[in-house]
Amino acid sequence: MARYFKSINKKSVQIDVFHGWDMKLKQWFVDVKMSGFIGGNIKQLFKSQESYNSFLKKFLG
């Protein structure tokens, strides 16, 4: 699985973002987790690279 990582601050909340191509599912994904919090991640799957890139551009700014 090709994975990339970026840690960002959004309004005083630390967010860890993993994203890339899932070879097993053959889909693009973005996986978001708030640092320091126990709980589930938010995972979004994309069927096209265009929608994946569009989401990342908006989310990561």
PDB file of N, CA and C in Angstrom:
ATOM      1  N   MET A   1       0.842  -1.170   0.000  1.00  0.00           N
ATOM      2  CA  MET A   1       0.000   0.000   0.000  1.00  0.00           C
ATOM      3  C   MET A   1       0.889   1.234   0.000  1.00  0.00           C
ATOM      4  N   ALA A   2       0.715   2.107  -0.951  1.00  0.00           N
ATOM      5  CA  ALA A   2       1.440   3.373  -0.977  1.00  0.00           C
ATOM      6  C   ALA A   2       0.774   4.307   0.019  1.00  0.00           C
ATOM      7  N   ARG A   3       1.537   4.761   1.009  1.00  0.00           N
ATOM      8  CA  ARG A   3       0.977   5.627   2.041  1.00  0.00           C
ATOM      9  C   ARG A   3       1.828   6.870   2.186  1.00  0.00           C
ATOM     10  N   TYR A   4       1.157   7.963   2.447  1.00  0.00           N
ATOM     11  CA  TYR A   4       1.823   9.224   2.743  1.00  0.00           C
ATOM     12  C   TYR A   4       1.263   9.729   4.055  1.00  0.00           C
ATOM     13  N   PHE A   5       2.040  10.542   4.767  1.00  0.00           N
ATOM     14  CA  PHE A   5       1.626  11.037   6.074  1.00  0.00           C
ATOM     15  C   PHE A   5       1.839  12.536   6.129  1.00  0.00           C
ATOM     16  N   LYS A   6       0.876  13.224   6.731  1.00  0.00           N
ATOM     17  CA  LYS A   6       1.024  14.652   6.973  1.00  0.00           C
ATOM     18  C   LYS A   6       0.349  14.965   8.294  1.00  0.00           C
ATOM     19  N   SER A   7       1.016  15.728   9.133  1.00  0.00           N
ATOM     20  CA  SER A   7       0.459  16.154  10.408  1.00  0.00           C
ATOM     21  C   SER A   7       0.144  17.639  10.287  1.00  0.00           C
ATOM     22  N   ILE A   8      -1.110  18.018  10.569  1.00  0.00           N
ATOM     23  CA  ILE A   8      -1.521  19.411  10.410  1.00  0.00           C
ATOM     24  C   ILE A   8      -2.248  19.901  11.655  1.00  0.00           C
ATOM     25  N   ASN A   9      -2.292  21.215  11.832  1.00  0.00           N
ATOM     26  CA  ASN A   9      -3.063  21.844  12.904  1.00  0.00           C
ATOM     27  C   ASN A   9      -4.240  22.565  12.283  1.00  0.00           C
ATOM     28  N   LYS A  10      -5.432  22.251  12.767  1.00  0.00           N
ATOM     29  CA  LYS A  10      -6.644  22.928  12.306  1.00  0.00           C
ATOM     30  C   LYS A  10      -7.354  23.453  13.535  1.00  0.00           C
ATOM     31  N   LYS A  11      -7.316  24.769  13.712  1.00  0.00           N
ATOM     32  CA  LYS A  11      -8.003  25.418  14.833  1.00  0.00           C
ATOM     33  C   LYS A  11      -7.632  24.766  16.158  1.00  0.00           C
ATOM     34  N   SER A  12      -6.361  24.693  16.438  1.00  0.00           N
ATOM     35  CA  SER A  12      -5.766  24.173  17.674  1.00  0.00           C
ATOM     36  C   SER A  12      -5.980  22.676  17.905  1.00  0.00           C
ATOM     37  N   VAL A  13      -6.310  21.933  16.873  1.00  0.00           N
ATOM     38  CA  VAL A  13      -6.431  20.476  16.965  1.00  0.00           C
ATOM     39  C   VAL A  13      -5.385  19.860  16.044  1.00  0.00           C
ATOM     40  N   GLN A  14      -4.594  18.948  16.599  1.00  0.00           N
ATOM     41  CA  GLN A  14      -3.573  18.252  15.810  1.00  0.00           C
ATOM     42  C   GLN A  14      -4.224  17.087  15.085  1.00  0.00           C
ATOM     43  N   ILE A  15      -4.063  17.037  13.772  1.00  0.00           N
ATOM     44  CA  ILE A  15      -4.674  15.995  12.951  1.00  0.00           C
ATOM     45  C   ILE A  15      -3.582  15.264  12.178  1.00  0.00           C
ATOM     46  N   ASP A  16      -3.623  13.936  12.226  1.00  0.00           N
ATOM     47  CA  ASP A  16      -2.715  13.105  11.438  1.00  0.00           C
ATOM     48  C   ASP A  16      -3.483  12.585  10.234  1.00  0.00           C
ATOM     49  N   VAL A  17      -2.927  12.798   9.052  1.00  0.00           N
ATOM     50  CA  VAL A  17      -3.594  12.400   7.814  1.00  0.00           C
ATOM     51  C   VAL A  17      -2.708  11.399   7.072  1.00  0.00           C
ATOM     52  N   PHE A  18      -3.225  10.203   6.872  1.00  0.00           N
ATOM     53  CA  PHE A  18      -2.573   9.187   6.049  1.00  0.00           C
ATOM     54  C   PHE A  18      -3.353   9.123   4.746  1.00  0.00           C
ATOM     55  N   HIS A  19      -2.657   9.062   3.628  1.00  0.00           N
ATOM     56  CA  HIS A  19      -3.373   9.021   2.353  1.00  0.00           C
ATOM     57  C   HIS A  19      -2.525   8.328   1.305  1.00  0.00           C
ATOM     58  N   GLY A  20      -3.205   7.847   0.257  1.00  0.00           N
ATOM     59  CA  GLY A  20      -2.487   7.173  -0.817  1.00  0.00           C
ATOM     60  C   GLY A  20      -3.358   6.179  -1.551  1.00  0.00           C
ATOM     61  N   TRP A  21      -2.710   5.199  -2.165  1.00  0.00           N
ATOM     62  CA  TRP A  21      -3.367   4.175  -2.981  1.00  0.00           C
ATOM     63  C   TRP A  21      -3.383   2.867  -2.200  1.00  0.00           C
ATOM     64  N   ASP A  22      -4.550   2.296  -1.993  1.00  0.00           N
ATOM     65  CA  ASP A  22      -4.683   1.003  -1.328  1.00  0.00           C
ATOM     66  C   ASP A  22      -4.625  -0.085  -2.393  1.00  0.00           C
ATOM     67  N   MET A  23      -3.525  -0.831  -2.425  1.00  0.00           N
ATOM     68  CA  MET A  23      -3.320  -1.850  -3.465  1.00  0.00           C
ATOM     69  C   MET A  23      -4.318  -2.999  -3.355  1.00  0.00           C
ATOM     70  N   LYS A  24      -4.710  -3.319  -2.145  1.00  0.00           N
ATOM     71  CA  LYS A  24      -5.641  -4.425  -1.933  1.00  0.00           C
ATOM     72  C   LYS A  24      -7.047  -4.062  -2.428  1.00  0.00           C
ATOM     73  N   LEU A  25      -7.520  -2.881  -2.060  1.00  0.00           N
ATOM     74  CA  LEU A  25      -8.858  -2.428  -2.466  1.00  0.00           C
ATOM     75  C   LEU A  25      -8.870  -1.786  -3.846  1.00  0.00           C
ATOM     76  N   LYS A  26      -7.678  -1.409  -4.325  1.00  0.00           N
ATOM     77  CA  LYS A  26      -7.529  -0.713  -5.607  1.00  0.00           C
ATOM     78  C   LYS A  26      -8.359   0.576  -5.646  1.00  0.00           C
ATOM     79  N   GLN A  27      -8.212   1.344  -4.557  1.00  0.00           N
ATOM     80  CA  GLN A  27      -8.886   2.633  -4.445  1.00  0.00           C
ATOM     81  C   GLN A  27      -7.972   3.610  -3.719  1.00  0.00           C
ATOM     82  N   TRP A  28      -8.181   4.890  -3.980  1.00  0.00           N
ATOM     83  CA  TRP A  28      -7.481   5.945  -3.269  1.00  0.00           C
ATOM     84  C   TRP A  28      -8.160   6.120  -1.917  1.00  0.00           C
ATOM     85  N   PHE A  29      -7.391   6.514  -0.896  1.00  0.00           N
ATOM     86  CA  PHE A  29      -7.981   6.681   0.427  1.00  0.00           C
ATOM     87  C   PHE A  29      -7.370   7.866   1.165  1.00  0.00           C
ATOM     88  N   VAL A  30      -8.135   8.394   2.124  1.00  0.00           N
ATOM     89  CA  VAL A  30      -7.660   9.381   3.086  1.00  0.00           C
ATOM     90  C   VAL A  30      -8.130   8.879   4.446  1.00  0.00           C
ATOM     91  N   ASP A  31      -7.203   8.781   5.389  1.00  0.00           N
ATOM     92  CA  ASP A  31      -7.482   8.277   6.731  1.00  0.00           C
ATOM     93  C   ASP A  31      -7.079   9.378   7.714  1.00  0.00           C
ATOM     94  N   VAL A  32      -8.031   9.881   8.501  1.00  0.00           N
ATOM     95  CA  VAL A  32      -7.801  11.023   9.389  1.00  0.00           C
ATOM     96  C   VAL A  32      -7.959  10.584  10.840  1.00  0.00           C
ATOM     97  N   LYS A  33      -7.005  11.019  11.688  1.00  0.00           N
ATOM     98  CA  LYS A  33      -7.064  10.715  13.117  1.00  0.00           C
ATOM     99  C   LYS A  33      -6.623  11.944  13.894  1.00  0.00           C
ATOM    100  N   MET A  34      -7.342  12.253  14.972  1.00  0.00           N
ATOM    101  CA  MET A  34      -6.933  13.355  15.835  1.00  0.00           C
ATOM    102  C   MET A  34      -5.882  12.841  16.810  1.00  0.00           C
ATOM    103  N   SER A  35      -4.729  13.489  16.844  1.00  0.00           N
ATOM    104  CA  SER A  35      -3.632  13.084  17.731  1.00  0.00           C
ATOM    105  C   SER A  35      -4.045  13.240  19.188  1.00  0.00           C
ATOM    106  N   GLY A  36      -3.668  12.266  19.997  1.00  0.00           N
ATOM    107  CA  GLY A  36      -3.938  12.350  21.422  1.00  0.00           C
ATOM    108  C   GLY A  36      -5.323  11.883  21.832  1.00  0.00           C
ATOM    109  N   PHE A  37      -6.154  11.495  20.885  1.00  0.00           N
ATOM    110  CA  PHE A  37      -7.497  11.024  21.196  1.00  0.00           C
ATOM    111  C   PHE A  37      -7.588   9.537  20.903  1.00  0.00           C
ATOM    112  N   ILE A  38      -8.243   8.824  21.784  1.00  0.00           N
ATOM    113  CA  ILE A  38      -8.478   7.401  21.565  1.00  0.00           C
ATOM    114  C   ILE A  38      -9.823   7.272  20.872  1.00  0.00           C
ATOM    115  N   GLY A  39      -9.864   6.499  19.847  1.00  0.00           N
ATOM    116  CA  GLY A  39     -11.122   6.328  19.124  1.00  0.00           C
ATOM    117  C   GLY A  39     -10.849   5.993  17.680  1.00  0.00           C
ATOM    118  N   GLY A  40     -11.897   5.918  16.935  1.00  0.00           N
ATOM    119  CA  GLY A  40     -11.787   5.516  15.539  1.00  0.00           C
ATOM    120  C   GLY A  40     -11.284   6.607  14.623  1.00  0.00           C
ATOM    121  N   ASN A  41     -10.752   6.164  13.535  1.00  0.00           N
ATOM    122  CA  ASN A  41     -10.311   7.065  12.480  1.00  0.00           C
ATOM    123  C   ASN A  41     -11.475   7.325  11.537  1.00  0.00           C
ATOM    124  N   ILE A  42     -11.367   8.386  10.786  1.00  0.00           N
ATOM    125  CA  ILE A  42     -12.318   8.662   9.715  1.00  0.00           C
ATOM    126  C   ILE A  42     -11.618   8.282   8.423  1.00  0.00           C
ATOM    127  N   LYS A  43     -12.183   7.341   7.691  1.00  0.00           N
ATOM    128  CA  LYS A  43     -11.557   6.870   6.454  1.00  0.00           C
ATOM    129  C   LYS A  43     -12.498   7.117   5.289  1.00  0.00           C
ATOM    130  N   GLN A  44     -11.967   7.706   4.235  1.00  0.00           N
ATOM    131  CA  GLN A  44     -12.743   7.986   3.024  1.00  0.00           C
ATOM    132  C   GLN A  44     -12.056   7.301   1.852  1.00  0.00           C
ATOM    133  N   LEU A  45     -12.825   6.557   1.065  1.00  0.00           N
ATOM    134  CA  LEU A  45     -12.304   5.895  -0.132  1.00  0.00           C
ATOM    135  C   LEU A  45     -12.782   6.635  -1.371  1.00  0.00           C
ATOM    136  N   PHE A  46     -11.942   6.671  -2.408  1.00  0.00           N
ATOM    137  CA  PHE A  46     -12.260   7.373  -3.652  1.00  0.00           C
ATOM    138  C   PHE A  46     -12.048   6.434  -4.829  1.00  0.00           C
ATOM    139  N   LYS A  47     -12.974   6.453  -5.768  1.00  0.00           N
ATOM    140  CA  LYS A  47     -12.871   5.588  -6.950  1.00  0.00           C
ATOM    141  C   LYS A  47     -11.971   6.200  -8.024  1.00  0.00           C
ATOM    142  N   SER A  48     -11.803   7.527  -7.995  1.00  0.00           N
ATOM    143  CA  SER A  48     -10.957   8.169  -9.006  1.00  0.00           C
ATOM    144  C   SER A  48      -9.870   9.009  -8.339  1.00  0.00           C
ATOM    145  N   GLN A  49      -8.746   9.117  -9.025  1.00  0.00           N
ATOM    146  CA  GLN A  49      -7.641   9.927  -8.512  1.00  0.00           C
ATOM    147  C   GLN A  49      -8.019  11.405  -8.520  1.00  0.00           C
ATOM    148  N   GLU A  50      -8.855  11.800  -9.452  1.00  0.00           N
ATOM    149  CA  GLU A  50      -9.291  13.198  -9.543  1.00  0.00           C
ATOM    150  C   GLU A  50     -10.068  13.617  -8.292  1.00  0.00           C
ATOM    151  N   SER A  51     -11.013  12.795  -7.852  1.00  0.00           N
ATOM    152  CA  SER A  51     -11.786  13.143  -6.652  1.00  0.00           C
ATOM    153  C   SER A  51     -10.908  13.075  -5.398  1.00  0.00           C
ATOM    154  N   TYR A  52      -9.973  12.132  -5.365  1.00  0.00           N
ATOM    155  CA  TYR A  52      -9.014  12.023  -4.258  1.00  0.00           C
ATOM    156  C   TYR A  52      -8.164  13.293  -4.162  1.00  0.00           C
ATOM    157  N   ASN A  53      -7.593  13.725  -5.288  1.00  0.00           N
ATOM    158  CA  ASN A  53      -6.758  14.931  -5.300  1.00  0.00           C
ATOM    159  C   ASN A  53      -7.556  16.171  -4.943  1.00  0.00           C
ATOM    160  N   SER A  54      -8.791  16.258  -5.423  1.00  0.00           N
ATOM    161  CA  SER A  54      -9.657  17.397  -5.119  1.00  0.00           C
ATOM    162  C   SER A  54      -9.935  17.473  -3.617  1.00  0.00           C
ATOM    163  N   PHE A  55     -10.238  16.328  -3.007  1.00  0.00           N
ATOM    164  CA  PHE A  55     -10.499  16.287  -1.567  1.00  0.00           C
ATOM    165  C   PHE A  55      -9.256  16.698  -0.780  1.00  0.00           C
ATOM    166  N   LEU A  56      -8.098  16.142  -1.145  1.00  0.00           N
ATOM    167  CA  LEU A  56      -6.855  16.483  -0.438  1.00  0.00           C
ATOM    168  C   LEU A  56      -6.544  17.969  -0.537  1.00  0.00           C
ATOM    169  N   LYS A  57      -6.733  18.534  -1.705  1.00  0.00           N
ATOM    170  CA  LYS A  57      -6.454  19.957  -1.911  1.00  0.00           C
ATOM    171  C   LYS A  57      -7.329  20.813  -0.999  1.00  0.00           C
ATOM    172  N   LYS A  58      -8.609  20.461  -0.887  1.00  0.00           N
ATOM    173  CA  LYS A  58      -9.529  21.211  -0.021  1.00  0.00           C
ATOM    174  C   LYS A  58      -9.215  20.972   1.455  1.00  0.00           C
ATOM    175  N   PHE A  59      -8.945  19.730   1.820  1.00  0.00           N
ATOM    176  CA  PHE A  59      -8.750  19.374   3.224  1.00  0.00           C
ATOM    177  C   PHE A  59      -7.418  19.871   3.774  1.00  0.00           C
ATOM    178  N   LEU A  60      -6.348  19.673   3.018  1.00  0.00           N
ATOM    179  CA  LEU A  60      -5.020  20.062   3.492  1.00  0.00           C
ATOM    180  C   LEU A  60      -4.712  21.529   3.243  1.00  0.00           C
ATOM    181  N   GLY A  61      -5.477  22.117   2.330  1.00  0.00           N
ATOM    182  CA  GLY A  61      -5.330  23.535   2.037  1.00  0.00           C
ATOM    183  C   GLY A  61      -4.043  23.871   1.425  1.00  0.00           C
TER     184      GLY A  61
END
